PDB file of all heavy atoms in Angstrom:
ATOM      1  N   ASP A   1      14.094   7.695  -2.264  1.00  0.00           N
ATOM      2  CA  ASP A   1      15.096   7.680  -3.338  1.00  0.00           C
ATOM      3  C   ASP A   1      16.513   7.350  -2.849  1.00  0.00           C
ATOM      4  O   ASP A   1      17.460   8.097  -2.849  1.00  0.00           O
ATOM      5  CB  ASP A   1      15.143   9.081  -4.144  1.00  0.00           C
ATOM      6  CG  ASP A   1      16.006   8.893  -5.451  1.00  0.00           C
ATOM      7  OD1 ASP A   1      16.371   7.881  -5.889  1.00  0.00           O
ATOM      8  OD2 ASP A   1      16.319  10.021  -5.930  1.00  0.00           O
ATOM      9  N   GLY A   2      16.655   6.089  -2.259  1.00  0.00           N
ATOM     10  CA  GLY A   2      17.964   5.740  -1.599  1.00  0.00           C
ATOM     11  C   GLY A   2      19.070   5.849  -2.501  1.00  0.00           C
ATOM     12  O   GLY A   2      20.174   6.389  -2.039  1.00  0.00           O
ATOM     13  N   TYR A   3      18.976   5.239  -3.598  1.00  0.00           N
ATOM     14  CA  TYR A   3      20.200   5.213  -4.524  1.00  0.00           C
ATOM     15  C   TYR A   3      20.525   6.610  -5.036  1.00  0.00           C
ATOM     16  O   TYR A   3      21.609   6.978  -5.192  1.00  0.00           O
ATOM     17  CB  TYR A   3      19.942   4.301  -5.707  1.00  0.00           C
ATOM     18  CG  TYR A   3      19.927   2.814  -5.314  1.00  0.00           C
ATOM     19  CD1 TYR A   3      18.938   1.955  -5.884  1.00  0.00           C
ATOM     20  CD2 TYR A   3      20.918   2.264  -4.519  1.00  0.00           C
ATOM     21  CE1 TYR A   3      18.885   0.683  -5.526  1.00  0.00           C
ATOM     22  CE2 TYR A   3      20.858   0.943  -4.194  1.00  0.00           C
ATOM     23  CZ  TYR A   3      19.806   0.123  -4.719  1.00  0.00           C
ATOM     24  OH  TYR A   3      19.751  -1.226  -4.403  1.00  0.00           O
ATOM     25  N   GLY A   4      19.464   7.348  -5.250  1.00  0.00           N
ATOM     26  CA  GLY A   4      19.610   8.714  -5.751  1.00  0.00           C
ATOM     27  C   GLY A   4      20.267   9.615  -4.696  1.00  0.00           C
ATOM     28  O   GLY A   4      21.265  10.340  -4.958  1.00  0.00           O
ATOM     29  N   ASP A   5      19.849   9.462  -3.431  1.00  0.00           N
ATOM     30  CA  ASP A   5      20.356  10.207  -2.334  1.00  0.00           C
ATOM     31  C   ASP A   5      21.838   9.798  -2.212  1.00  0.00           C
ATOM     32  O   ASP A   5      22.714  10.677  -1.902  1.00  0.00           O
ATOM     33  CB  ASP A   5      19.630  10.073  -1.148  1.00  0.00           C
ATOM     34  CG  ASP A   5      18.150  10.675  -1.091  1.00  0.00           C
ATOM     35  OD1 ASP A   5      18.010  11.631  -1.975  1.00  0.00           O
ATOM     36  OD2 ASP A   5      17.333  10.195  -0.413  1.00  0.00           O
ATOM     37  N   THR A   6      22.123   8.532  -2.117  1.00  0.00           N
ATOM     38  CA  THR A   6      23.436   8.087  -2.013  1.00  0.00           C
ATOM     39  C   THR A   6      24.424   8.584  -3.064  1.00  0.00           C
ATOM     40  O   THR A   6      25.466   9.106  -2.712  1.00  0.00           O
ATOM     41  CB  THR A   6      23.534   6.556  -1.980  1.00  0.00           C
ATOM     42  OG1 THR A   6      22.707   5.999  -0.997  1.00  0.00           O
ATOM     43  CG2 THR A   6      24.935   6.049  -1.789  1.00  0.00           C
ATOM     44  N   PHE A   7      23.981   8.594  -4.253  1.00  0.00           N
ATOM     45  CA  PHE A   7      24.840   9.096  -5.347  1.00  0.00           C
ATOM     46  C   PHE A   7      25.011  10.422  -5.393  1.00  0.00           C
ATOM     47  O   PHE A   7      26.137  11.050  -5.508  1.00  0.00           O
ATOM     48  CB  PHE A   7      24.242   8.609  -6.700  1.00  0.00           C
ATOM     49  CG  PHE A   7      25.002   8.917  -7.970  1.00  0.00           C
ATOM     50  CD1 PHE A   7      26.127   8.207  -8.268  1.00  0.00           C
ATOM     51  CD2 PHE A   7      24.720  10.080  -8.822  1.00  0.00           C
ATOM     52  CE1 PHE A   7      26.845   8.547  -9.374  1.00  0.00           C
ATOM     53  CE2 PHE A   7      25.432  10.316  -9.896  1.00  0.00           C
ATOM     54  CZ  PHE A   7      26.528   9.561 -10.200  1.00  0.00           C
ATOM     55  N   ARG A   8      23.986  11.353  -5.057  1.00  0.00           N
ATOM     56  CA  ARG A   8      24.092  12.811  -5.125  1.00  0.00           C
ATOM     57  C   ARG A   8      24.914  13.212  -3.989  1.00  0.00           C
ATOM     58  O   ARG A   8      25.638  14.327  -3.960  1.00  0.00           O
ATOM     59  CB  ARG A   8      22.625  13.360  -5.003  1.00  0.00           C
ATOM     60  CG  ARG A   8      21.965  13.400  -6.435  1.00  0.00           C
ATOM     61  CD  ARG A   8      20.593  14.021  -6.351  1.00  0.00           C
ATOM     62  NE  ARG A   8      19.666  13.436  -5.480  1.00  0.00           N
ATOM     63  CZ  ARG A   8      18.776  12.467  -5.974  1.00  0.00           C
ATOM     64  NH1 ARG A   8      18.843  12.123  -7.192  1.00  0.00           N
ATOM     65  NH2 ARG A   8      17.862  11.989  -5.097  1.00  0.00           N
ATOM     66  N   TYR A   9      25.027  12.512  -2.856  1.00  0.00           N
ATOM     67  CA  TYR A   9      25.804  12.914  -1.734  1.00  0.00           C
ATOM     68  C   TYR A   9      27.240  12.671  -1.925  1.00  0.00           C
ATOM     69  O   TYR A   9      28.104  13.150  -1.160  1.00  0.00           O
ATOM     70  CB  TYR A   9      25.300  12.118  -0.414  1.00  0.00           C
ATOM     71  CG  TYR A   9      25.690  12.743   0.895  1.00  0.00           C
ATOM     72  CD1 TYR A   9      24.975  13.727   1.430  1.00  0.00           C
ATOM     73  CD2 TYR A   9      26.845  12.347   1.424  1.00  0.00           C
ATOM     74  CE1 TYR A   9      25.284  14.295   2.610  1.00  0.00           C
ATOM     75  CE2 TYR A   9      27.220  12.919   2.692  1.00  0.00           C
ATOM     76  CZ  TYR A   9      26.422  13.863   3.245  1.00  0.00           C
ATOM     77  OH  TYR A   9      26.782  14.495   4.449  1.00  0.00           O
ATOM     78  N   GLY A  10      27.567  11.883  -2.909  1.00  0.00           N
ATOM     79  CA  GLY A  10      28.963  11.702  -3.262  1.00  0.00           C
ATOM     80  C   GLY A  10      29.600  10.463  -2.509  1.00  0.00           C
ATOM     81  O   GLY A  10      30.779  10.431  -2.351  1.00  0.00           O
ATOM     82  N   CYS A  11      28.858   9.707  -2.046  1.00  0.00           N
ATOM     83  CA  CYS A  11      29.281   8.426  -1.336  1.00  0.00           C
ATOM     84  C   CYS A  11      30.188   7.595  -2.205  1.00  0.00           C
ATOM     85  O   CYS A  11      29.965   7.438  -3.378  1.00  0.00           O
ATOM     86  CB  CYS A  11      28.112   7.644  -0.794  1.00  0.00           C
ATOM     87  SG  CYS A  11      27.005   8.456   0.568  1.00  0.00           S
ATOM     88  N   LYS A  12      31.104   6.897  -1.601  1.00  0.00           N
ATOM     89  CA  LYS A  12      32.008   5.933  -2.348  1.00  0.00           C
ATOM     90  C   LYS A  12      31.423   4.572  -2.303  1.00  0.00           C
ATOM     91  O   LYS A  12      31.952   3.685  -3.006  1.00  0.00           O
ATOM     92  CB  LYS A  12      33.468   6.103  -1.711  1.00  0.00           C
ATOM     93  CG  LYS A  12      34.028   7.452  -1.654  1.00  0.00           C
ATOM     94  CD  LYS A  12      33.985   8.123  -3.041  1.00  0.00           C
ATOM     95  CE  LYS A  12      34.621   9.421  -2.947  1.00  0.00           C
ATOM     96  NZ  LYS A  12      34.629  10.238  -4.244  1.00  0.00           N
ATOM     97  N   VAL A  13      30.539   4.248  -1.384  1.00  0.00           N
ATOM     98  CA  VAL A  13      29.822   2.999  -1.317  1.00  0.00           C
ATOM     99  C   VAL A  13      28.345   3.152  -1.178  1.00  0.00           C
ATOM    100  O   VAL A  13      27.786   4.013  -0.567  1.00  0.00           O
ATOM    101  CB  VAL A  13      30.376   2.294   0.107  1.00  0.00           C
ATOM    102  CG1 VAL A  13      29.639   1.103   0.253  1.00  0.00           C
ATOM    103  CG2 VAL A  13      31.864   2.124   0.099  1.00  0.00           C
ATOM    104  N   ALA A  14      27.692   2.276  -1.933  1.00  0.00           N
ATOM    105  CA  ALA A  14      26.232   2.259  -1.801  1.00  0.00           C
ATOM    106  C   ALA A  14      25.799   0.812  -1.417  1.00  0.00           C
ATOM    107  O   ALA A  14      26.604  -0.076  -1.321  1.00  0.00           O
ATOM    108  CB  ALA A  14      25.633   2.698  -3.166  1.00  0.00           C
ATOM    109  N   GLY A  15      24.482   0.567  -1.375  1.00  0.00           N
ATOM    110  CA  GLY A  15      24.096  -0.743  -0.981  1.00  0.00           C
ATOM    111  C   GLY A  15      22.512  -0.850  -0.788  1.00  0.00           C
ATOM    112  O   GLY A  15      21.813   0.210  -0.954  1.00  0.00           O
ATOM    113  N   CYS A  16      22.105  -1.944  -0.245  1.00  0.00           N
ATOM    114  CA  CYS A  16      20.659  -2.199  -0.056  1.00  0.00           C
ATOM    115  C   CYS A  16      20.535  -2.777   1.398  1.00  0.00           C
ATOM    116  O   CYS A  16      21.425  -3.462   1.891  1.00  0.00           O
ATOM    117  CB  CYS A  16      20.036  -2.954  -1.132  1.00  0.00           C
ATOM    118  SG  CYS A  16      20.906  -4.587  -1.508  1.00  0.00           S
ATOM    119  N   THR A  17      19.382  -2.671   1.923  1.00  0.00           N
ATOM    120  CA  THR A  17      19.096  -3.221   3.302  1.00  0.00           C
ATOM    121  C   THR A  17      17.745  -3.923   3.330  1.00  0.00           C
ATOM    122  O   THR A  17      16.820  -3.354   2.801  1.00  0.00           O
ATOM    123  CB  THR A  17      19.065  -2.035   4.365  1.00  0.00           C
ATOM    124  OG1 THR A  17      20.346  -1.376   4.238  1.00  0.00           O
ATOM    125  CG2 THR A  17      18.839  -2.578   5.707  1.00  0.00           C
ATOM    126  N   VAL A  18      17.677  -4.983   4.053  1.00  0.00           N
ATOM    127  CA  VAL A  18      16.458  -5.742   4.349  1.00  0.00           C
ATOM    128  C   VAL A  18      16.277  -5.460   5.865  1.00  0.00           C
ATOM    129  O   VAL A  18      17.126  -5.827   6.647  1.00  0.00           O
ATOM    130  CB  VAL A  18      16.554  -7.213   3.880  1.00  0.00           C
ATOM    131  CG1 VAL A  18      15.179  -7.891   4.435  1.00  0.00           C
ATOM    132  CG2 VAL A  18      16.610  -7.406   2.459  1.00  0.00           C
ATOM    133  N   HIS A  19      14.946  -5.058   6.146  1.00  0.00           N
ATOM    134  CA  HIS A  19      14.678  -4.896   7.534  1.00  0.00           C
ATOM    135  C   HIS A  19      13.261  -5.177   7.824  1.00  0.00           C
ATOM    136  O   HIS A  19      12.440  -5.277   6.932  1.00  0.00           O
ATOM    137  CB  HIS A  19      15.074  -3.430   7.924  1.00  0.00           C
ATOM    138  CG  HIS A  19      14.173  -2.392   7.177  1.00  0.00           C
ATOM    139  ND1 HIS A  19      13.020  -1.860   7.858  1.00  0.00           N
ATOM    140  CD2 HIS A  19      14.368  -1.977   5.916  1.00  0.00           C
ATOM    141  CE1 HIS A  19      12.502  -1.005   6.984  1.00  0.00           C
ATOM    142  NE2 HIS A  19      13.162  -0.966   5.765  1.00  0.00           N
ATOM    143  N   PHE A  20      12.931  -5.365   9.237  1.00  0.00           N
ATOM    144  CA  PHE A  20      11.614  -5.438   9.516  1.00  0.00           C
ATOM    145  C   PHE A  20      11.008  -4.067   9.680  1.00  0.00           C
ATOM    146  O   PHE A  20      11.700  -3.129   9.902  1.00  0.00           O
ATOM    147  CB  PHE A  20      11.487  -6.174  10.926  1.00  0.00           C
ATOM    148  CG  PHE A  20      11.601  -7.701  10.864  1.00  0.00           C
ATOM    149  CD1 PHE A  20      12.676  -8.355  11.584  1.00  0.00           C
ATOM    150  CD2 PHE A  20      10.758  -8.427  10.050  1.00  0.00           C
ATOM    151  CE1 PHE A  20      12.773  -9.716  11.439  1.00  0.00           C
ATOM    152  CE2 PHE A  20      10.877  -9.877  10.075  1.00  0.00           C
ATOM    153  CZ  PHE A  20      11.871 -10.448  10.704  1.00  0.00           C
ATOM    154  N   ILE A  21       9.645  -3.955   9.416  1.00  0.00           N
ATOM    155  CA  ILE A  21       8.992  -2.746   9.577  1.00  0.00           C
ATOM    156  C   ILE A  21       8.712  -2.451  11.002  1.00  0.00           C
ATOM    157  O   ILE A  21       8.311  -3.294  11.762  1.00  0.00           O
ATOM    158  CB  ILE A  21       7.721  -2.809   8.705  1.00  0.00           C
ATOM    159  CG1 ILE A  21       8.008  -2.808   7.253  1.00  0.00           C
ATOM    160  CG2 ILE A  21       6.756  -1.610   9.081  1.00  0.00           C
ATOM    161  CD1 ILE A  21       8.621  -1.559   6.716  1.00  0.00           C
ATOM    162  N   ASP A  22       8.820  -1.090  11.385  1.00  0.00           N
ATOM    163  CA  ASP A  22       8.305  -0.606  12.621  1.00  0.00           C
ATOM    164  C   ASP A  22       7.514   0.604  12.375  1.00  0.00           C
ATOM    165  O   ASP A  22       7.150   0.884  11.199  1.00  0.00           O
ATOM    166  CB  ASP A  22       9.356  -0.448  13.714  1.00  0.00           C
ATOM    167  CG  ASP A  22      10.426   0.645  13.267  1.00  0.00           C
ATOM    168  OD1 ASP A  22      10.170   1.372  12.198  1.00  0.00           O
ATOM    169  OD2 ASP A  22      11.339   0.893  13.959  1.00  0.00           O
ATOM    170  N   TYR A  23       7.316   1.441  13.338  1.00  0.00           N
ATOM    171  CA  TYR A  23       6.370   2.576  13.180  1.00  0.00           C
ATOM    172  C   TYR A  23       7.091   3.787  12.542  1.00  0.00           C
ATOM    173  O   TYR A  23       6.451   4.884  12.134  1.00  0.00           O
ATOM    174  CB  TYR A  23       5.835   2.983  14.522  1.00  0.00           C
ATOM    175  CG  TYR A  23       4.993   2.078  15.286  1.00  0.00           C
ATOM    176  CD1 TYR A  23       5.079   1.884  16.698  1.00  0.00           C
ATOM    177  CD2 TYR A  23       4.098   1.236  14.639  1.00  0.00           C
ATOM    178  CE1 TYR A  23       4.190   1.010  17.353  1.00  0.00           C
ATOM    179  CE2 TYR A  23       3.311   0.279  15.230  1.00  0.00           C
ATOM    180  CZ  TYR A  23       3.463   0.182  16.645  1.00  0.00           C
ATOM    181  OH  TYR A  23       2.564  -0.766  17.291  1.00  0.00           O
ATOM    182  N   GLY A  24       8.460   3.698  12.297  1.00  0.00           N
ATOM    183  CA  GLY A  24       9.052   4.812  11.643  1.00  0.00           C
ATOM    184  C   GLY A  24       9.237   4.563  10.165  1.00  0.00           C
ATOM    185  O   GLY A  24       8.753   3.568   9.603  1.00  0.00           O
ATOM    186  N   GLU A  25       9.987   5.507   9.531  1.00  0.00           N
ATOM    187  CA  GLU A  25      10.222   5.417   8.200  1.00  0.00           C
ATOM    188  C   GLU A  25      11.549   4.730   7.852  1.00  0.00           C
ATOM    189  O   GLU A  25      12.615   5.397   8.117  1.00  0.00           O
ATOM    190  CB  GLU A  25      10.173   6.726   7.427  1.00  0.00           C
ATOM    191  CG  GLU A  25      10.430   6.707   5.790  1.00  0.00           C
ATOM    192  CD  GLU A  25      10.238   8.062   5.140  1.00  0.00           C
ATOM    193  OE1 GLU A  25      10.639   9.016   5.796  1.00  0.00           O
ATOM    194  OE2 GLU A  25       9.721   8.091   4.192  1.00  0.00           O
ATOM    195  N   ASP A  26      11.618   3.538   7.589  1.00  0.00           N
ATOM    196  CA  ASP A  26      12.809   2.708   7.356  1.00  0.00           C
ATOM    197  C   ASP A  26      13.746   2.686   8.542  1.00  0.00           C
ATOM    198  O   ASP A  26      14.956   2.739   8.448  1.00  0.00           O
ATOM    199  CB  ASP A  26      13.630   3.302   6.149  1.00  0.00           C
ATOM    200  CG  ASP A  26      12.772   3.343   4.805  1.00  0.00           C
ATOM    201  OD1 ASP A  26      12.059   2.333   4.590  1.00  0.00           O
ATOM    202  OD2 ASP A  26      12.843   4.397   4.037  1.00  0.00           O
ATOM    203  N   THR A  27      13.098   2.569   9.724  1.00  0.00           N
ATOM    204  CA  THR A  27      13.784   2.434  10.974  1.00  0.00           C
ATOM    205  C   THR A  27      13.872   1.207  11.626  1.00  0.00           C
ATOM    206  O   THR A  27      14.465   1.106  12.794  1.00  0.00           O
ATOM    207  CB  THR A  27      13.305   3.603  11.999  1.00  0.00           C
ATOM    208  OG1 THR A  27      11.855   3.376  12.120  1.00  0.00           O
ATOM    209  CG2 THR A  27      13.425   4.996  11.357  1.00  0.00           C
ATOM    210  N   GLY A  28      13.139   0.241  11.019  1.00  0.00           N
ATOM    211  CA  GLY A  28      13.061  -1.160  11.655  1.00  0.00           C
ATOM    212  C   GLY A  28      14.403  -1.839  11.853  1.00  0.00           C
ATOM    213  O   GLY A  28      15.311  -1.544  11.041  1.00  0.00           O
ATOM    214  N   PRO A  29      14.421  -2.804  12.638  1.00  0.00           N
ATOM    215  CA  PRO A  29      15.676  -3.615  12.862  1.00  0.00           C
ATOM    216  C   PRO A  29      16.244  -4.310  11.579  1.00  0.00           C
ATOM    217  O   PRO A  29      15.389  -4.936  10.817  1.00  0.00           O
ATOM    218  CB  PRO A  29      15.347  -4.636  13.974  1.00  0.00           C
ATOM    219  CG  PRO A  29      13.763  -4.662  14.067  1.00  0.00           C
ATOM    220  CD  PRO A  29      13.368  -3.410  13.579  1.00  0.00           C
ATOM    221  N   ILE A  30      17.460  -4.192  11.348  1.00  0.00           N
ATOM    222  CA  ILE A  30      18.074  -4.665  10.191  1.00  0.00           C
ATOM    223  C   ILE A  30      18.359  -6.091  10.125  1.00  0.00           C
ATOM    224  O   ILE A  30      18.847  -6.673  11.147  1.00  0.00           O
ATOM    225  CB  ILE A  30      19.413  -3.922   9.952  1.00  0.00           C
ATOM    226  CG1 ILE A  30      19.077  -2.427   9.652  1.00  0.00           C
ATOM    227  CG2 ILE A  30      20.200  -4.553   8.689  1.00  0.00           C
ATOM    228  CD1 ILE A  30      20.318  -1.501   9.516  1.00  0.00           C
ATOM    229  N   ILE A  31      18.026  -6.765   9.166  1.00  0.00           N
ATOM    230  CA  ILE A  31      18.296  -8.198   8.910  1.00  0.00           C
ATOM    231  C   ILE A  31      19.499  -8.489   8.146  1.00  0.00           C
ATOM    232  O   ILE A  31      20.296  -9.320   8.436  1.00  0.00           O
ATOM    233  CB  ILE A  31      17.035  -8.844   8.245  1.00  0.00           C
ATOM    234  CG1 ILE A  31      15.673  -8.724   9.051  1.00  0.00           C
ATOM    235  CG2 ILE A  31      17.174 -10.329   7.983  1.00  0.00           C
ATOM    236  CD1 ILE A  31      14.415  -8.887   8.322  1.00  0.00           C
ATOM    237  N   GLY A  32      19.637  -7.814   6.948  1.00  0.00           N
ATOM    238  CA  GLY A  32      20.803  -8.081   6.116  1.00  0.00           C
ATOM    239  C   GLY A  32      21.047  -6.823   5.268  1.00  0.00           C
ATOM    240  O   GLY A  32      20.202  -6.053   5.031  1.00  0.00           O
ATOM    241  N   GLN A  33      22.333  -6.701   4.790  1.00  0.00           N
ATOM    242  CA  GLN A  33      22.821  -5.646   3.889  1.00  0.00           C
ATOM    243  C   GLN A  33      23.738  -6.144   2.933  1.00  0.00           C
ATOM    244  O   GLN A  33      24.413  -7.111   3.201  1.00  0.00           O
ATOM    245  CB  GLN A  33      23.378  -4.518   4.718  1.00  0.00           C
ATOM    246  CG  GLN A  33      22.402  -3.828   5.682  1.00  0.00           C
ATOM    247  CD  GLN A  33      22.993  -2.623   6.465  1.00  0.00           C
ATOM    248  OE1 GLN A  33      23.947  -2.855   7.214  1.00  0.00           O
ATOM    249  NE2 GLN A  33      22.486  -1.444   6.339  1.00  0.00           N
ATOM    250  N   ARG A  34      23.769  -5.490   1.744  1.00  0.00           N
ATOM    251  CA  ARG A  34      24.824  -5.663   0.686  1.00  0.00           C
ATOM    252  C   ARG A  34      25.368  -4.358   0.216  1.00  0.00           C
ATOM    253  O   ARG A  34      24.540  -3.535   0.085  1.00  0.00           O
ATOM    254  CB  ARG A  34      24.219  -6.530  -0.409  1.00  0.00           C
ATOM    255  CG  ARG A  34      23.917  -7.953  -0.131  1.00  0.00           C
ATOM    256  CD  ARG A  34      25.162  -8.798  -0.011  1.00  0.00           C
ATOM    257  NE  ARG A  34      24.753 -10.165   0.183  1.00  0.00           N
ATOM    258  CZ  ARG A  34      24.233 -10.755   1.332  1.00  0.00           C
ATOM    259  NH1 ARG A  34      24.151  -9.980   2.434  1.00  0.00           N
ATOM    260  NH2 ARG A  34      23.915 -12.054   1.349  1.00  0.00           N
ATOM    261  N   ALA A  35      26.607  -4.198   0.099  1.00  0.00           N
ATOM    262  CA  ALA A  35      27.280  -3.100  -0.219  1.00  0.00           C
ATOM    263  C   ALA A  35      28.063  -3.223  -1.615  1.00  0.00           C
ATOM    264  O   ALA A  35      28.560  -4.374  -1.856  1.00  0.00           O
ATOM    265  CB  ALA A  35      28.187  -2.529   0.808  1.00  0.00           C
ATOM    266  N   PHE A  36      28.408  -2.131  -2.305  1.00  0.00           N
ATOM    267  CA  PHE A  36      29.159  -2.082  -3.438  1.00  0.00           C
ATOM    268  C   PHE A  36      29.795  -0.856  -3.592  1.00  0.00           C
ATOM    269  O   PHE A  36      29.302   0.254  -3.145  1.00  0.00           O
ATOM    270  CB  PHE A  36      28.345  -2.508  -4.701  1.00  0.00           C
ATOM    271  CG  PHE A  36      27.228  -1.747  -4.955  1.00  0.00           C
ATOM    272  CD1 PHE A  36      27.367  -0.602  -5.877  1.00  0.00           C
ATOM    273  CD2 PHE A  36      26.031  -1.983  -4.398  1.00  0.00           C
ATOM    274  CE1 PHE A  36      26.231   0.190  -6.147  1.00  0.00           C
ATOM    275  CE2 PHE A  36      24.818  -1.161  -4.785  1.00  0.00           C
ATOM    276  CZ  PHE A  36      24.977   0.015  -5.513  1.00  0.00           C
ATOM    277  N   ASP A  37      30.952  -0.768  -4.299  1.00  0.00           N
ATOM    278  CA  ASP A  37      31.613   0.511  -4.520  1.00  0.00           C
ATOM    279  C   ASP A  37      31.003   1.332  -5.591  1.00  0.00           C
ATOM    280  O   ASP A  37      30.518   0.846  -6.632  1.00  0.00           O
ATOM    281  CB  ASP A  37      33.066   0.229  -4.966  1.00  0.00           C
ATOM    282  CG  ASP A  37      33.955  -0.463  -3.739  1.00  0.00           C
ATOM    283  OD1 ASP A  37      33.640  -0.252  -2.704  1.00  0.00           O
ATOM    284  OD2 ASP A  37      34.924  -1.138  -4.185  1.00  0.00           O
ATOM    285  N   ILE A  38      30.986   2.687  -5.510  1.00  0.00           N
ATOM    286  CA  ILE A  38      30.615   3.587  -6.469  1.00  0.00           C
ATOM    287  C   ILE A  38      31.915   3.974  -7.123  1.00  0.00           C
ATOM    288  O   ILE A  38      32.778   4.654  -6.519  1.00  0.00           O
ATOM    289  CB  ILE A  38      29.865   4.721  -5.908  1.00  0.00           C
ATOM    290  CG1 ILE A  38      28.549   4.161  -5.226  1.00  0.00           C
ATOM    291  CG2 ILE A  38      29.529   5.689  -7.062  1.00  0.00           C
ATOM    292  CD1 ILE A  38      27.796   5.457  -4.662  1.00  0.00           C
TER     293      ILE A  38
END
């Protein structure tokens, strides 16, 4: 629940990430990101 966790934490900026998969949970190397203000 990335957007939910971001919003509930009170962040001022949210966004999304594209990454390659590795053996962890959402830990693979990042390809691109987009951010926006909350």
